[in-house]
Amino acid sequence: MKNSGRHLDKTLTDRIIAFFDWRFVAAEPLELQEFTFWLEAECLDPDWRLQSYSKILDLGRGKDVGLSLEVRALNKLLPNHLALVVECFAKITNAMDQGTQMYISADEAKPILKAGLTAEDPQVRENAERARENLLRLGRFDYLDVE
């Protein structure tokens, strides 16, 4: 998918979306975690990719593998999809706790936080503040100075 380029036949795109919807109804978190590589598939609508990723995050993280790639993909989508990117990032940090070994690169995360904290939309700012609080609560003090 991510190697398909920017354009894919509409029929195929519709089938991909229908497949995701069908599998999402089954709500098998481990299976849906495999979907996250589609986050980088430029042939699919970025809003749909982010909304679908957000739904998967609502189910909880089944594994931590690939998280850095997912945050990097979010970073690429940041300029044109601020609200959804910050929402997804906040959900990622919600799933983090002292018992997990989830690592997020500050170089990848800080641009998302900075954009969210300076956004005009109060919901975006609230999500960014929640994400930063989650990271600080985990002792990630490198996020104290983001702005």
N, C-alpha and C. Protein backbone atom coordinates (compact mmCIF):
# COMPACT_ATOMS: atom_id res chain seq x y z
N MET A 1 0.82 -1.20 0.00
CA MET A 1 0.00 0.00 0.00
C MET A 1 0.86 1.26 0.00
N LYS A 2 1.82 1.32 0.91
CA LYS A 2 2.59 2.55 0.98
C LYS A 2 3.50 2.71 -0.22
N ASN A 3 3.70 1.66 -1.00
CA ASN A 3 4.51 1.74 -2.21
C ASN A 3 3.66 1.91 -3.46
N SER A 4 2.38 2.16 -3.30
CA SER A 4 1.46 2.28 -4.43
C SER A 4 1.48 3.66 -5.06
N GLY A 5 2.22 4.57 -4.50
CA GLY A 5 2.24 5.92 -5.04
C GLY A 5 1.05 6.72 -4.53
N ARG A 6 0.77 7.80 -5.23
CA ARG A 6 -0.29 8.71 -4.78
C ARG A 6 -1.67 8.37 -5.33
N HIS A 7 -1.73 7.58 -6.38
CA HIS A 7 -3.03 7.33 -7.01
C HIS A 7 -3.31 5.84 -7.08
N LEU A 8 -4.55 5.52 -6.79
CA LEU A 8 -5.02 4.15 -6.83
C LEU A 8 -6.41 4.19 -7.43
N ASP A 9 -6.75 3.19 -8.19
CA ASP A 9 -8.07 3.11 -8.81
C ASP A 9 -9.16 3.24 -7.74
N LYS A 10 -10.19 4.04 -8.04
CA LYS A 10 -11.26 4.29 -7.06
C LYS A 10 -11.93 2.99 -6.61
N THR A 11 -12.12 2.06 -7.52
CA THR A 11 -12.73 0.79 -7.16
C THR A 11 -11.89 0.06 -6.11
N LEU A 12 -10.59 0.08 -6.30
CA LEU A 12 -9.71 -0.57 -5.34
C LEU A 12 -9.71 0.18 -4.00
N THR A 13 -9.70 1.49 -4.06
CA THR A 13 -9.76 2.30 -2.84
C THR A 13 -11.05 2.01 -2.07
N ASP A 14 -12.16 1.93 -2.78
CA ASP A 14 -13.44 1.62 -2.13
C ASP A 14 -13.41 0.24 -1.48
N ARG A 15 -12.77 -0.72 -2.14
CA ARG A 15 -12.66 -2.07 -1.58
C ARG A 15 -11.79 -2.08 -0.32
N ILE A 16 -10.73 -1.28 -0.34
CA ILE A 16 -9.85 -1.19 0.83
C ILE A 16 -10.62 -0.62 2.03
N ILE A 17 -11.37 0.43 1.78
CA ILE A 17 -12.15 1.06 2.85
C ILE A 17 -13.21 0.10 3.38
N ALA A 18 -13.89 -0.60 2.47
CA ALA A 18 -14.90 -1.58 2.88
C ALA A 18 -14.26 -2.70 3.70
N PHE A 19 -13.08 -3.15 3.29
CA PHE A 19 -12.37 -4.19 4.04
C PHE A 19 -12.04 -3.71 5.45
N PHE A 20 -11.52 -2.49 5.55
CA PHE A 20 -11.20 -1.95 6.87
C PHE A 20 -12.47 -1.89 7.73
N ASP A 21 -13.55 -1.35 7.17
CA ASP A 21 -14.80 -1.24 7.93
C ASP A 21 -15.27 -2.61 8.41
N TRP A 22 -15.17 -3.61 7.55
CA TRP A 22 -15.57 -4.98 7.89
C TRP A 22 -14.72 -5.51 9.04
N ARG A 23 -13.40 -5.31 8.96
CA ARG A 23 -12.52 -5.79 10.01
C ARG A 23 -12.65 -4.97 11.29
N PHE A 24 -12.97 -3.71 11.16
CA PHE A 24 -13.13 -2.88 12.35
C PHE A 24 -14.34 -3.33 13.16
N VAL A 25 -15.39 -3.76 12.48
CA VAL A 25 -16.58 -4.27 13.18
C VAL A 25 -16.20 -5.48 14.04
N ALA A 26 -15.28 -6.30 13.57
CA ALA A 26 -14.82 -7.45 14.35
C ALA A 26 -14.04 -6.99 15.58
N ALA A 27 -13.46 -5.81 15.50
CA ALA A 27 -12.77 -5.16 16.64
C ALA A 27 -11.71 -6.05 17.28
N GLU A 28 -10.91 -6.69 16.47
CA GLU A 28 -9.79 -7.49 16.96
C GLU A 28 -8.55 -6.59 17.02
N PRO A 29 -8.20 -6.09 18.21
CA PRO A 29 -7.12 -5.10 18.32
C PRO A 29 -5.80 -5.52 17.68
N LEU A 30 -5.39 -6.76 17.88
CA LEU A 30 -4.11 -7.19 17.30
C LEU A 30 -4.15 -7.16 15.78
N GLU A 31 -5.26 -7.57 15.22
CA GLU A 31 -5.39 -7.53 13.77
C GLU A 31 -5.39 -6.09 13.28
N LEU A 32 -6.10 -5.23 13.96
CA LEU A 32 -6.19 -3.83 13.53
C LEU A 32 -4.86 -3.10 13.68
N GLN A 33 -4.01 -3.55 14.60
CA GLN A 33 -2.69 -2.93 14.72
C GLN A 33 -1.91 -3.07 13.42
N GLU A 34 -2.17 -4.14 12.68
CA GLU A 34 -1.49 -4.34 11.40
C GLU A 34 -1.95 -3.32 10.37
N PHE A 35 -3.09 -2.73 10.59
CA PHE A 35 -3.59 -1.70 9.67
C PHE A 35 -2.73 -0.45 9.71
N THR A 36 -2.06 -0.20 10.80
CA THR A 36 -1.41 1.09 10.98
C THR A 36 -0.36 1.40 9.93
N PHE A 37 0.15 0.39 9.22
CA PHE A 37 1.11 0.70 8.16
C PHE A 37 0.43 1.45 7.02
N TRP A 38 -0.89 1.38 6.93
CA TRP A 38 -1.62 2.12 5.91
C TRP A 38 -1.57 3.62 6.17
N LEU A 39 -1.19 4.00 7.36
CA LEU A 39 -1.09 5.42 7.71
C LEU A 39 -0.18 6.16 6.73
N GLU A 40 0.79 5.46 6.17
CA GLU A 40 1.72 6.07 5.23
C GLU A 40 1.29 5.93 3.77
N ALA A 41 0.19 5.27 3.50
CA ALA A 41 -0.25 5.01 2.12
C ALA A 41 -0.83 6.27 1.49
N GLU A 42 -0.03 6.95 0.69
CA GLU A 42 -0.45 8.21 0.09
C GLU A 42 -1.58 8.03 -0.92
N CYS A 43 -1.83 6.80 -1.34
CA CYS A 43 -2.91 6.55 -2.30
C CYS A 43 -4.29 6.60 -1.65
N LEU A 44 -4.33 6.63 -0.32
CA LEU A 44 -5.60 6.74 0.41
C LEU A 44 -5.75 8.14 0.97
N ASP A 45 -6.98 8.60 1.07
CA ASP A 45 -7.26 9.94 1.56
C ASP A 45 -6.67 10.13 2.96
N PRO A 46 -5.90 11.21 3.16
CA PRO A 46 -5.27 11.41 4.47
C PRO A 46 -6.27 11.55 5.62
N ASP A 47 -7.39 12.21 5.39
CA ASP A 47 -8.40 12.32 6.45
C ASP A 47 -8.92 10.95 6.85
N TRP A 48 -9.19 10.10 5.85
CA TRP A 48 -9.68 8.76 6.14
C TRP A 48 -8.62 7.97 6.91
N ARG A 49 -7.35 8.08 6.48
CA ARG A 49 -6.27 7.36 7.18
C ARG A 49 -6.19 7.78 8.64
N LEU A 50 -6.24 9.08 8.89
CA LEU A 50 -6.13 9.57 10.27
C LEU A 50 -7.36 9.21 11.10
N GLN A 51 -8.55 9.32 10.52
CA GLN A 51 -9.77 8.96 11.26
C GLN A 51 -9.77 7.47 11.59
N SER A 52 -9.33 6.65 10.65
CA SER A 52 -9.27 5.20 10.88
C SER A 52 -8.23 4.86 11.94
N TYR A 53 -7.10 5.53 11.88
CA TYR A 53 -6.04 5.32 12.88
C TYR A 53 -6.55 5.73 14.26
N SER A 54 -7.28 6.83 14.32
CA SER A 54 -7.85 7.29 15.59
C SER A 54 -8.81 6.24 16.16
N LYS A 55 -9.61 5.62 15.30
CA LYS A 55 -10.53 4.56 15.76
C LYS A 55 -9.75 3.38 16.33
N ILE A 56 -8.66 3.02 15.67
CA ILE A 56 -7.83 1.91 16.15
C ILE A 56 -7.23 2.25 17.51
N LEU A 57 -6.77 3.48 17.66
CA LEU A 57 -6.20 3.90 18.94
C LEU A 57 -7.24 3.85 20.06
N ASP A 58 -8.51 4.08 19.72
CA ASP A 58 -9.57 3.99 20.73
C ASP A 58 -9.69 2.58 21.30
N LEU A 59 -9.30 1.58 20.52
CA LEU A 59 -9.38 0.19 20.98
C LEU A 59 -8.23 -0.18 21.90
N GLY A 60 -7.22 0.64 21.95
CA GLY A 60 -6.06 0.36 22.80
C GLY A 60 -4.94 -0.23 21.98
N ARG A 61 -3.74 -0.01 22.45
CA ARG A 61 -2.56 -0.50 21.74
C ARG A 61 -2.31 -1.96 22.11
N GLY A 62 -2.19 -2.79 21.08
CA GLY A 62 -1.88 -4.18 21.31
C GLY A 62 -0.39 -4.45 21.37
N LYS A 63 0.38 -3.59 20.73
CA LYS A 63 1.83 -3.77 20.70
C LYS A 63 2.48 -2.41 20.53
N ASP A 64 3.75 -2.36 20.84
CA ASP A 64 4.47 -1.09 20.75
C ASP A 64 5.36 -1.02 19.53
N VAL A 65 5.50 -2.13 18.81
CA VAL A 65 6.35 -2.16 17.63
C VAL A 65 5.76 -1.22 16.57
N GLY A 66 6.60 -0.44 15.97
CA GLY A 66 6.14 0.44 14.90
C GLY A 66 5.67 1.80 15.35
N LEU A 67 5.67 2.05 16.64
CA LEU A 67 5.17 3.33 17.14
C LEU A 67 5.96 4.50 16.57
N SER A 68 7.27 4.36 16.50
CA SER A 68 8.08 5.47 15.99
C SER A 68 7.75 5.76 14.54
N LEU A 69 7.46 4.72 13.76
CA LEU A 69 7.07 4.93 12.36
C LEU A 69 5.71 5.61 12.27
N GLU A 70 4.82 5.26 13.18
CA GLU A 70 3.50 5.88 13.18
C GLU A 70 3.59 7.35 13.54
N VAL A 71 4.41 7.69 14.52
CA VAL A 71 4.57 9.10 14.91
C VAL A 71 5.25 9.87 13.78
N ARG A 72 6.19 9.24 13.09
CA ARG A 72 6.83 9.89 11.94
C ARG A 72 5.80 10.15 10.84
N ALA A 73 4.91 9.18 10.61
CA ALA A 73 3.85 9.37 9.61
C ALA A 73 2.91 10.50 10.02
N LEU A 74 2.58 10.57 11.31
CA LEU A 74 1.75 11.67 11.80
C LEU A 74 2.42 13.01 11.55
N ASN A 75 3.72 13.05 11.77
CA ASN A 75 4.48 14.28 11.57
C ASN A 75 4.38 14.76 10.12
N LYS A 76 4.43 13.82 9.17
CA LYS A 76 4.33 14.17 7.75
C LYS A 76 2.95 14.75 7.42
N LEU A 77 1.93 14.29 8.12
CA LEU A 77 0.56 14.74 7.86
C LEU A 77 0.21 16.02 8.63
N LEU A 78 1.08 16.43 9.53
CA LEU A 78 0.81 17.56 10.41
C LEU A 78 0.46 18.87 9.69
N PRO A 79 1.18 19.28 8.66
CA PRO A 79 0.91 20.60 8.07
C PRO A 79 -0.53 20.79 7.57
N ASN A 80 -1.15 19.74 7.05
CA ASN A 80 -2.49 19.89 6.47
C ASN A 80 -3.60 19.24 7.28
N HIS A 81 -3.24 18.60 8.39
CA HIS A 81 -4.25 17.85 9.16
C HIS A 81 -3.99 17.98 10.66
N LEU A 82 -3.77 19.20 11.09
CA LEU A 82 -3.37 19.48 12.47
C LEU A 82 -4.28 18.83 13.51
N ALA A 83 -5.57 19.06 13.41
CA ALA A 83 -6.50 18.58 14.44
C ALA A 83 -6.46 17.06 14.59
N LEU A 84 -6.52 16.34 13.47
CA LEU A 84 -6.53 14.88 13.54
C LEU A 84 -5.18 14.33 14.01
N VAL A 85 -4.09 14.95 13.58
CA VAL A 85 -2.77 14.48 14.00
C VAL A 85 -2.61 14.65 15.51
N VAL A 86 -2.98 15.80 16.03
CA VAL A 86 -2.84 16.04 17.48
C VAL A 86 -3.78 15.12 18.26
N GLU A 87 -4.98 14.89 17.74
CA GLU A 87 -5.91 13.96 18.39
C GLU A 87 -5.30 12.57 18.49
N CYS A 88 -4.73 12.09 17.38
CA CYS A 88 -4.11 10.76 17.39
C CYS A 88 -2.92 10.71 18.34
N PHE A 89 -2.10 11.75 18.32
CA PHE A 89 -0.93 11.78 19.20
C PHE A 89 -1.36 11.76 20.67
N ALA A 90 -2.40 12.50 21.00
CA ALA A 90 -2.91 12.50 22.38
C ALA A 90 -3.38 11.11 22.78
N LYS A 91 -4.03 10.41 21.85
CA LYS A 91 -4.50 9.05 22.15
C LYS A 91 -3.33 8.10 22.36
N ILE A 92 -2.25 8.29 21.60
CA ILE A 92 -1.05 7.47 21.80
C ILE A 92 -0.51 7.68 23.21
N THR A 93 -0.41 8.93 23.62
CA THR A 93 0.14 9.21 24.96
C THR A 93 -0.81 8.76 26.06
N ASN A 94 -2.12 8.74 25.79
CA ASN A 94 -3.08 8.23 26.77
C ASN A 94 -2.79 6.77 27.09
N ALA A 95 -2.33 6.02 26.09
CA ALA A 95 -2.10 4.59 26.25
C ALA A 95 -0.78 4.29 26.95
N MET A 96 0.04 5.30 27.11
CA MET A 96 1.35 5.09 27.74
C MET A 96 1.21 5.12 29.26
N ASP A 97 1.96 4.24 29.92
CA ASP A 97 2.02 4.28 31.38
C ASP A 97 3.40 3.80 31.81
N GLN A 98 3.64 3.83 33.09
CA GLN A 98 4.97 3.47 33.60
C GLN A 98 5.35 2.03 33.25
N GLY A 99 4.37 1.18 33.05
CA GLY A 99 4.66 -0.22 32.78
C GLY A 99 5.01 -0.52 31.33
N THR A 100 4.75 0.41 30.43
CA THR A 100 5.05 0.15 29.02
C THR A 100 6.41 0.70 28.67
N GLN A 101 6.97 0.12 27.66
CA GLN A 101 8.27 0.57 27.17
C GLN A 101 8.11 1.31 25.84
N MET A 102 7.02 2.02 25.70
CA MET A 102 6.77 2.76 24.48
C MET A 102 7.71 3.97 24.44
N TYR A 103 8.40 4.11 23.33
CA TYR A 103 9.32 5.23 23.19
C TYR A 103 8.87 6.09 22.02
N ILE A 104 8.81 7.37 22.26
CA ILE A 104 8.48 8.33 21.21
C ILE A 104 9.65 9.29 21.10
N SER A 105 10.19 9.42 19.92
CA SER A 105 11.30 10.34 19.68
C SER A 105 10.84 11.78 19.90
N ALA A 106 11.57 12.50 20.72
CA ALA A 106 11.24 13.91 20.96
C ALA A 106 11.33 14.71 19.67
N ASP A 107 12.25 14.34 18.78
CA ASP A 107 12.37 15.04 17.50
C ASP A 107 11.12 14.91 16.65
N GLU A 108 10.44 13.77 16.77
CA GLU A 108 9.20 13.55 16.02
C GLU A 108 7.99 14.12 16.76
N ALA A 109 8.02 14.08 18.08
CA ALA A 109 6.85 14.49 18.87
C ALA A 109 6.75 15.99 19.09
N LYS A 110 7.87 16.64 19.29
CA LYS A 110 7.83 18.07 19.62
C LYS A 110 7.15 18.92 18.55
N PRO A 111 7.38 18.68 17.26
CA PRO A 111 6.66 19.50 16.27
C PRO A 111 5.14 19.35 16.37
N ILE A 112 4.68 18.14 16.69
CA ILE A 112 3.24 17.90 16.85
C ILE A 112 2.73 18.67 18.06
N LEU A 113 3.43 18.56 19.17
CA LEU A 113 3.02 19.28 20.38
C LEU A 113 3.05 20.79 20.18
N LYS A 114 4.12 21.29 19.59
CA LYS A 114 4.25 22.73 19.39
C LYS A 114 3.11 23.27 18.52
N ALA A 115 2.83 22.58 17.43
CA ALA A 115 1.74 23.02 16.55
C ALA A 115 0.41 22.96 17.28
N GLY A 116 0.20 21.91 18.08
CA GLY A 116 -1.05 21.78 18.82
C GLY A 116 -1.21 22.81 19.92
N LEU A 117 -0.13 23.08 20.63
CA LEU A 117 -0.19 24.04 21.73
C LEU A 117 -0.39 25.47 21.26
N THR A 118 -0.01 25.76 20.02
CA THR A 118 -0.15 27.12 19.49
C THR A 118 -1.34 27.24 18.54
N ALA A 119 -2.14 26.19 18.42
CA ALA A 119 -3.29 26.21 17.51
C ALA A 119 -4.37 27.16 18.03
N GLU A 120 -5.14 27.69 17.10
CA GLU A 120 -6.25 28.57 17.48
C GLU A 120 -7.43 27.77 18.02
N ASP A 121 -7.63 26.58 17.49
CA ASP A 121 -8.76 25.74 17.89
C ASP A 121 -8.55 25.24 19.33
N PRO A 122 -9.48 25.56 20.24
CA PRO A 122 -9.31 25.16 21.65
C PRO A 122 -9.27 23.64 21.84
N GLN A 123 -9.98 22.88 21.01
CA GLN A 123 -9.96 21.42 21.14
C GLN A 123 -8.58 20.86 20.79
N VAL A 124 -7.96 21.43 19.78
CA VAL A 124 -6.61 21.01 19.39
C VAL A 124 -5.63 21.33 20.52
N ARG A 125 -5.73 22.53 21.07
CA ARG A 125 -4.85 22.92 22.19
C ARG A 125 -5.05 21.99 23.39
N GLU A 126 -6.31 21.66 23.68
CA GLU A 126 -6.61 20.77 24.81
C GLU A 126 -5.98 19.39 24.60
N ASN A 127 -6.09 18.85 23.38
CA ASN A 127 -5.48 17.55 23.08
C ASN A 127 -3.96 17.61 23.22
N ALA A 128 -3.35 18.70 22.75
CA ALA A 128 -1.90 18.85 22.86
C ALA A 128 -1.47 18.98 24.32
N GLU A 129 -2.23 19.73 25.10
CA GLU A 129 -1.92 19.88 26.53
C GLU A 129 -2.03 18.54 27.25
N ARG A 130 -3.06 17.76 26.91
CA ARG A 130 -3.24 16.44 27.52
C ARG A 130 -2.06 15.52 27.15
N ALA A 131 -1.64 15.57 25.89
CA ALA A 131 -0.52 14.74 25.46
C ALA A 131 0.75 15.13 26.21
N ARG A 132 1.00 16.42 26.33
CA ARG A 132 2.21 16.86 27.03
C ARG A 132 2.15 16.45 28.50
N GLU A 133 0.99 16.61 29.14
CA GLU A 133 0.83 16.19 30.54
C GLU A 133 1.09 14.70 30.70
N ASN A 134 0.58 13.91 29.77
CA ASN A 134 0.81 12.46 29.82
C ASN A 134 2.30 12.15 29.77
N LEU A 135 3.02 12.83 28.88
CA LEU A 135 4.46 12.60 28.75
C LEU A 135 5.22 13.07 29.98
N LEU A 136 4.84 14.21 30.52
CA LEU A 136 5.50 14.72 31.73
C LEU A 136 5.25 13.80 32.92
N ARG A 137 4.03 13.26 33.01
CA ARG A 137 3.68 12.34 34.10
C ARG A 137 4.56 11.08 34.06
N LEU A 138 5.03 10.74 32.86
CA LEU A 138 5.91 9.58 32.69
C LEU A 138 7.38 9.92 32.91
N GLY A 139 7.63 11.17 33.31
CA GLY A 139 9.01 11.57 33.56
C GLY A 139 9.76 12.03 32.33
N ARG A 140 9.04 12.27 31.25
CA ARG A 140 9.68 12.75 30.01
C ARG A 140 9.79 14.27 30.07
N PHE A 141 10.72 14.76 30.87
CA PHE A 141 10.84 16.19 31.12
C PHE A 141 11.41 16.97 29.95
N ASP A 142 11.85 16.26 28.91
CA ASP A 142 12.30 16.96 27.70
C ASP A 142 11.12 17.64 26.99
N TYR A 143 9.90 17.36 27.46
CA TYR A 143 8.71 18.01 26.88
C TYR A 143 8.26 19.23 27.67
N LEU A 144 9.01 19.61 28.70
CA LEU A 144 8.66 20.81 29.47
C LEU A 144 8.74 22.06 28.60
N ASP A 145 9.77 22.15 27.79
CA ASP A 145 9.99 23.33 26.96
C ASP A 145 9.70 22.98 25.50
N VAL A 146 8.45 23.12 25.11
CA VAL A 146 8.05 22.80 23.75
C VAL A 146 7.76 24.06 22.96
N GLU A 147 7.20 25.05 23.62
CA GLU A 147 6.74 26.25 22.92
C GLU A 147 7.83 27.17 22.48
